[in-house]
Amino acid sequence: MREVVSTKDAPQAIGPYSQAIKANGFVFTSGQIAIDPATQQFVTGDVAAQTDRVLRNLSEILEAAGTGLGKVVRSSVFLKNMNDFAAMNEVYGKYFSSAPPARSTVEVARLPKDVLVEIDVIALA
C-alpha cells in the first residue's frame, strides 16, 4: 500500500513529487530546503538558520504522516559547502539528541534556489 502524505504546514511541492510517501511501514520524505511554508519563500540566513527551517519542515511532514523525528531511521544531508558541516551538525544534533538515525552527509555542486542545505529522511510509520 502506498499513500501520499501532504500538509500545508510544510512547503508545497513545486514539481511532480510528493512531500512524502508512506509505504510498507515507512515514510520517505522528499528533500526539504529552507522554505517558510506560510509564505512559500526561501528563508535567508546561514546554514544553521537554514538547517533549523529544514528540520522543522521535515517534522511537520512526518507529523502529517502520523510519525515524528524520533522515528527517523535514515537521513541524507546535502551541503553546498562541507565547511558548513559543524554548524549544520550542531543544529541537527538538537533535533536528534537521542539515538540519532543513520546518516550520510555530502557536499554537492548546487542545490535548488542555491540554498546551503537540503535534507531528506526515512522514518518508521
Protein backbone atom coordinates (compact mmCIF):
# COMPACT_ATOMS: atom_id res chain seq x y z
CA MET A 1 0.00 0.00 0.00
CA ARG A 2 1.25 3.46 -0.95
CA GLU A 3 -0.13 6.71 0.48
CA VAL A 4 0.74 10.28 -0.46
CA VAL A 5 1.49 12.50 2.54
CA SER A 6 0.71 16.20 2.26
CA THR A 7 0.45 19.08 4.72
CA LYS A 8 0.05 22.83 4.39
CA ASP A 9 2.41 23.15 7.38
CA ALA A 10 5.42 22.42 5.14
CA PRO A 11 6.43 23.82 1.76
CA GLN A 12 4.19 22.69 -1.06
CA ALA A 13 5.66 20.55 -3.81
CA ILE A 14 6.69 22.73 -6.74
CA GLY A 15 7.07 19.91 -9.22
CA PRO A 16 5.96 16.35 -9.93
CA TYR A 17 6.76 14.94 -6.49
CA SER A 18 5.06 14.45 -3.12
CA GLN A 19 6.14 15.86 0.22
CA ALA A 20 6.35 12.25 1.35
CA ILE A 21 5.17 8.74 0.60
CA LYS A 22 4.04 6.32 3.29
CA ALA A 23 4.57 2.69 2.27
CA ASN A 24 5.19 -0.68 3.94
CA GLY A 25 5.65 0.74 7.43
CA PHE A 26 7.96 3.58 6.38
CA VAL A 27 7.68 7.25 5.47
CA PHE A 28 10.00 8.52 2.73
CA THR A 29 10.25 12.31 2.54
CA SER A 30 11.31 14.36 -0.40
CA GLY A 31 14.33 16.58 0.15
CA GLN A 32 13.46 19.72 2.04
CA ILE A 33 15.11 23.12 1.75
CA ALA A 34 14.69 26.26 3.84
CA ILE A 35 11.32 27.45 2.60
CA ASP A 36 8.82 29.01 5.00
CA PRO A 37 5.52 27.19 4.43
CA ALA A 38 3.49 30.26 5.40
CA THR A 39 4.96 32.37 2.59
CA GLN A 40 6.49 29.72 0.28
CA GLN A 41 9.57 31.98 0.29
CA PHE A 42 13.17 30.97 0.84
CA VAL A 43 14.49 31.66 4.34
CA THR A 44 17.73 33.60 4.15
CA GLY A 45 20.49 33.18 6.66
CA ASP A 46 23.45 30.98 7.40
CA VAL A 47 23.49 27.19 7.28
CA ALA A 48 22.36 26.97 10.92
CA ALA A 49 19.21 29.01 10.25
CA GLN A 50 18.51 27.05 7.08
CA THR A 51 19.05 23.68 8.80
CA ASP A 52 16.62 24.66 11.53
CA ARG A 53 13.90 25.56 8.98
CA VAL A 54 14.53 22.35 7.02
CA LEU A 55 14.18 20.18 10.12
CA ARG A 56 11.00 21.99 11.19
CA ASN A 57 9.58 21.32 7.71
CA LEU A 58 10.52 17.65 7.94
CA SER A 59 8.95 17.43 11.40
CA GLU A 60 5.65 18.79 10.05
CA ILE A 61 5.63 16.34 7.14
CA LEU A 62 6.35 13.40 9.45
CA GLU A 63 3.62 14.56 11.85
CA ALA A 64 1.15 14.63 8.95
CA ALA A 65 2.17 11.03 8.24
CA GLY A 66 1.47 10.04 11.85
CA THR A 67 5.09 9.75 12.94
CA GLY A 68 7.89 12.08 14.00
CA LEU A 69 11.58 12.85 14.04
CA GLY A 70 12.08 10.35 16.87
CA LYS A 71 11.25 7.55 14.43
CA VAL A 72 13.70 8.59 11.71
CA VAL A 73 15.99 5.69 10.81
CA ARG A 74 17.98 7.28 7.96
CA SER A 75 18.76 10.77 6.75
CA SER A 76 20.70 12.28 3.88
CA VAL A 77 22.21 15.74 4.22
CA PHE A 78 23.36 17.66 1.17
CA LEU A 79 25.62 20.65 1.85
CA LYS A 80 26.68 23.30 -0.62
CA ASN A 81 29.96 23.61 1.30
CA MET A 82 31.45 20.96 3.60
CA ASN A 83 32.97 23.82 5.64
CA ASP A 84 29.40 24.29 6.95
CA PHE A 85 29.37 20.79 8.42
CA ALA A 86 29.99 21.79 12.06
CA ALA A 87 27.29 24.50 12.05
CA MET A 88 24.76 22.19 10.37
CA ASN A 89 25.67 19.35 12.73
CA GLU A 90 25.14 21.50 15.82
CA VAL A 91 21.55 22.32 14.82
CA TYR A 92 20.92 18.77 13.55
CA GLY A 93 22.06 17.39 16.92
CA LYS A 94 19.41 19.42 18.74
CA TYR A 95 16.69 17.66 16.74
CA PHE A 96 18.28 14.20 17.02
CA SER A 97 19.80 14.27 20.50
CA SER A 98 18.88 10.72 21.50
CA ALA A 99 19.58 7.64 19.34
CA PRO A 100 20.19 9.63 16.15
CA PRO A 101 19.45 7.98 12.80
CA ALA A 102 21.99 6.64 10.35
CA ARG A 103 23.14 9.47 8.10
CA SER A 104 25.11 10.41 5.02
CA THR A 105 26.40 13.94 4.53
CA VAL A 106 27.80 15.00 1.18
CA GLU A 107 28.92 18.21 -0.46
CA VAL A 108 27.14 18.93 -3.74
CA ALA A 109 27.83 21.34 -6.57
CA ARG A 110 24.46 23.09 -6.39
CA LEU A 111 21.10 22.86 -4.63
CA PRO A 112 17.65 24.24 -5.59
CA LYS A 113 17.39 28.01 -5.14
CA ASP A 114 21.12 27.97 -4.29
CA VAL A 115 20.35 27.04 -0.68
CA LEU A 116 23.11 25.88 1.67
CA VAL A 117 21.49 22.62 2.84
CA GLU A 118 18.88 20.05 1.83
CA ILE A 119 17.81 17.09 3.93
CA ASP A 120 15.57 14.07 3.34
CA VAL A 121 14.67 11.29 5.79
CA ILE A 122 13.18 7.83 6.05
CA ALA A 123 11.14 7.16 9.19
CA LEU A 124 9.13 4.35 10.69
CA ALA A 125 5.44 4.98 10.09
